[in-house]
Structures are given as structure tokens and as C-alpha cells.
Protein backbone atom coordinates (compact mmCIF):
# COMPACT_ATOMS: atom_id res chain seq x y z
CA MET A 1 -29.83 -7.51 17.05
CA ARG A 2 -26.40 -8.56 15.52
CA HIS A 3 -25.26 -10.86 18.03
CA ARG A 4 -22.48 -13.29 16.53
CA LYS A 5 -22.49 -11.43 13.56
CA GLY A 6 -18.47 -10.86 12.66
CA GLY A 7 -17.00 -8.71 10.63
CA PHE A 8 -17.07 -4.71 10.00
CA LYS A 9 -19.97 -3.29 7.68
CA LEU A 10 -17.98 -0.11 6.83
CA GLY A 11 -21.35 1.75 6.44
CA ARG A 12 -21.27 0.25 2.62
CA ASN A 13 -23.06 -2.66 0.83
CA THR A 14 -21.89 -5.60 0.30
CA SER A 15 -20.34 -5.07 -3.17
CA HIS A 16 -18.70 -1.60 -2.39
CA ARG A 17 -17.32 -3.20 0.98
CA ARG A 18 -15.80 -6.06 -1.14
CA ALA A 19 -14.39 -3.76 -3.89
CA LEU A 20 -13.12 -1.43 -0.88
CA LEU A 21 -11.05 -4.31 0.50
CA ARG A 22 -9.85 -5.56 -2.42
CA ASN A 23 -8.20 -2.42 -3.49
CA LEU A 24 -6.87 -1.85 0.06
CA VAL A 25 -5.39 -5.39 0.33
CA THR A 26 -3.69 -4.71 -3.27
CA SER A 27 -2.41 -1.56 -1.99
CA ILE A 28 -1.03 -3.00 0.79
CA ILE A 29 0.83 -5.70 -0.88
CA LEU A 30 2.09 -3.43 -3.89
CA HIS A 31 3.07 -0.61 -1.30
CA ASP A 32 4.04 -2.33 2.03
CA ARG A 33 2.38 0.27 4.00
CA VAL A 34 -1.09 2.36 3.37
CA GLU A 35 -2.72 5.04 5.54
CA THR A 36 -6.18 4.46 6.31
CA THR A 37 -8.81 4.58 9.01
CA LEU A 38 -8.48 2.39 11.98
CA THR A 39 -11.55 0.23 11.25
CA LYS A 40 -10.77 -0.47 7.41
CA ALA A 41 -7.16 -1.49 8.48
CA LYS A 42 -8.84 -3.87 11.17
CA ALA A 43 -10.93 -5.41 8.49
CA SER A 44 -8.22 -5.77 5.89
CA ARG A 45 -6.05 -7.48 8.11
CA PRO A 46 -7.11 -10.81 7.95
CA LEU A 47 -7.30 -10.44 4.09
CA VAL A 48 -3.70 -9.65 3.91
CA GLU A 49 -2.92 -12.26 6.11
CA LYS A 50 -4.66 -14.89 3.78
CA MET A 51 -2.92 -13.58 0.43
CA ILE A 52 0.56 -13.87 2.12
CA THR A 53 -0.26 -17.36 3.35
CA LEU A 54 -1.40 -18.12 -0.18
CA GLY A 55 1.87 -16.62 -1.63
CA LYS A 56 3.89 -18.75 0.95
CA ASN A 57 2.17 -21.75 -0.43
CA GLY A 58 3.50 -20.96 -3.97
CA SER A 59 1.39 -23.36 -5.99
CA VAL A 60 -0.58 -22.89 -9.06
CA HIS A 61 -4.04 -23.10 -7.30
CA ALA A 62 -2.64 -20.42 -4.89
CA ARG A 63 -1.55 -18.12 -7.35
CA ARG A 64 -4.95 -18.40 -9.33
CA GLN A 65 -6.88 -17.68 -6.20
CA ALA A 66 -4.68 -14.72 -5.15
CA ALA A 67 -5.36 -13.50 -8.67
CA ALA A 68 -9.01 -13.64 -8.45
CA TYR A 69 -8.64 -11.42 -5.40
CA LEU A 70 -6.05 -9.11 -6.32
CA MET A 71 -6.81 -6.01 -8.51
CA THR A 72 -3.69 -6.35 -10.65
CA PRO A 73 -1.29 -8.79 -11.89
CA GLU A 74 1.41 -6.74 -10.81
CA ALA A 75 0.19 -7.33 -7.13
CA VAL A 76 0.11 -11.05 -7.77
CA ASP A 77 3.63 -11.30 -8.92
CA HIS A 78 4.66 -8.87 -6.18
CA LEU A 79 2.92 -10.99 -3.63
CA PHE A 80 4.77 -14.47 -4.54
CA LYS A 81 7.98 -13.16 -6.01
CA THR A 82 8.83 -10.49 -3.07
CA VAL A 83 6.64 -10.47 -0.41
CA ALA A 84 6.00 -14.02 0.68
CA PRO A 85 9.72 -15.22 0.40
CA VAL A 86 10.22 -12.60 3.63
CA TYR A 87 7.83 -14.82 5.64
CA THR A 88 8.74 -17.98 5.04
CA SER A 89 10.05 -18.69 8.54
CA ARG A 90 6.99 -16.89 10.22
CA GLN A 91 3.85 -18.64 11.46
CA GLY A 92 1.55 -15.68 10.77
CA GLY A 93 1.19 -12.10 12.05
CA TYR A 94 2.64 -10.54 9.16
CA THR A 95 0.90 -7.10 9.51
CA ARG A 96 1.21 -4.32 12.11
CA ILE A 97 -1.49 -1.52 12.78
CA VAL A 98 0.05 1.50 14.12
CA LYS A 99 -2.51 4.37 15.54
CA LEU A 100 -1.75 7.95 14.15
CA GLY A 101 -4.66 9.93 16.03
CA GLN A 102 -7.49 11.59 14.52
CA ARG A 103 -8.10 13.03 11.12
CA LYS A 104 -8.59 16.88 11.22
CA GLY A 105 -11.68 17.09 8.86
CA ASP A 106 -14.27 14.31 10.48
CA ALA A 107 -11.97 13.16 13.68
CA ALA A 108 -11.92 9.73 12.30
CA GLU A 109 -9.18 7.51 13.93
CA VAL A 110 -6.48 7.00 11.36
CA ALA A 111 -3.73 4.45 11.16
CA PHE A 112 -1.27 2.77 9.15
CA ILE A 113 -1.35 -0.66 7.91
CA GLU A 114 1.94 -1.88 7.09
CA LEU A 115 3.84 -5.35 6.55
CA VAL A 116 5.89 -6.25 9.22
CA ASP A 117 9.83 -7.33 8.35
CA THR A 118 10.21 -4.66 5.48
CA GLU A 119 11.78 -1.78 7.08
CA ASP A 120 14.77 -1.95 4.40
CA ARG A 121 12.32 -1.96 1.66
CA GLN A 122 10.75 1.06 2.66
CA ALA A 123 14.24 2.72 3.68
CA ALA A 124 15.31 1.71 -0.15
CA LYS A 125 12.15 3.33 -1.53
CA ALA A 126 12.69 6.48 0.36
CA THR A 127 16.13 7.12 -0.43
CA LYS A 128 15.25 6.19 -4.00
CA ARG A 129 12.40 8.79 -3.67
CA ASP A 130 14.80 11.41 -2.14
CA GLU A 131 17.42 10.89 -5.12
CA ALA A 132 14.36 11.51 -7.67
CA LYS A 133 13.60 14.80 -6.20
CA GLN A 134 17.26 15.87 -5.55
CA LYS A 135 17.43 15.23 -9.66
CA ARG A 136 14.57 17.17 -10.22
CA ARG A 137 15.48 20.19 -8.34
CA GLU A 138 18.81 20.04 -9.87
CA GLU A 139 17.41 19.71 -13.46
CA LEU A 140 15.04 22.74 -12.50
CA GLN A 141 17.72 24.97 -11.22
CA LYS A 142 20.00 24.17 -14.38
CA GLN A 143 16.93 25.54 -16.70
CA LEU A 144 16.57 28.59 -14.64
CA GLU A 145 19.90 29.35 -14.88
CA GLU A 146 20.05 28.74 -18.55
CA ARG A 147 17.00 30.99 -19.35
CA GLY A 148 18.37 33.97 -17.78
CA PRO A 149 16.74 36.40 -15.20
CA GLY A 150 14.13 38.41 -17.36
CA GLU A 151 12.38 35.45 -19.20
CA GLN A 152 9.19 33.51 -18.48
CA PRO A 153 9.50 29.72 -17.80
CA ASP A 154 8.04 27.53 -20.53
CA PRO A 155 5.17 25.69 -19.08
CA SER A 156 5.85 22.75 -21.84
CA SER A 157 9.44 22.20 -20.68
CA GLU A 158 8.98 21.63 -16.97
CA LYS A 159 6.86 18.26 -17.40
């Protein structure tokens, strides 16, 4: 019986589950939004909230605790410089889980887990991504016009 045994096992052993959740929390901190299964999102939510609370603290000890858990130094810097200052006046509830429905392959419940109040950053990322796509399209179109109609494309120049 599993009475009073909290937490999600996620079908993995302890070390695999810990690594999975560390990777997921790091990705959420770096990208503000991650698409994953509903159970993984629910399992990672308290961990993300704890990391943001450490970021709000801002002490050297809190930075070392975050660095011990997060996978990359870039994630620690992003947490303390960008993410945590947004939530200085908020007393918890830093994440939101949005259900998306079922995945086609295995019918698993899929959801977004995202940081609250980051819509402006996500919009800026989207516009930057769209501008980069447009620039690549224009460069490719220019290369195609320069080559002429009968020439084959050079695979080494497209990357």
C-alpha cells in the first residue's frame, strides 16, 4: 500500500527521476514555457517554485543551492537576473499548467507548464524568431535569384 506516500514516481527509478526533473526545471527557467506530459508538469511545479523563491532571496547561499540543482550556469544566471526580479511582489504561484489534450502516439495527457507574467518576454522571443525566419527566407531567395534557373543548389552554402 502507498498510503501517505506523496510525490510522483513517473515510472522511473530515483536517479532517473531526479535527472529528468532537474532537466525539466532547468528548461522551464531558461525558456519560460515547456510542453510535457501533465504528470511531469505537476511533478516539476513545486521544484520550479522553490528555485524562484531561491532567486528572490538572492544571497550567495541561495545561488549555490540553485547551482547545485540546476543543470547549467546559464540557467542560474537567468534565474537570478531575469526571472526572479519579475516576482518580487508575488507571494507564490509562479507557474501555470495549461492542458493541451492527448498526444497522438500514446494518448498521454499533454500540457504546457509556463511561468506566469512572462507574456511580454514570450512575445519578444516570438517576434525575434519570426524576424530571423524572414531574414533566412530573404537570403535563400536572393541566392536562388543569383544562381539562375538551370543551376543546381550548392549544399555547402545553404548552412
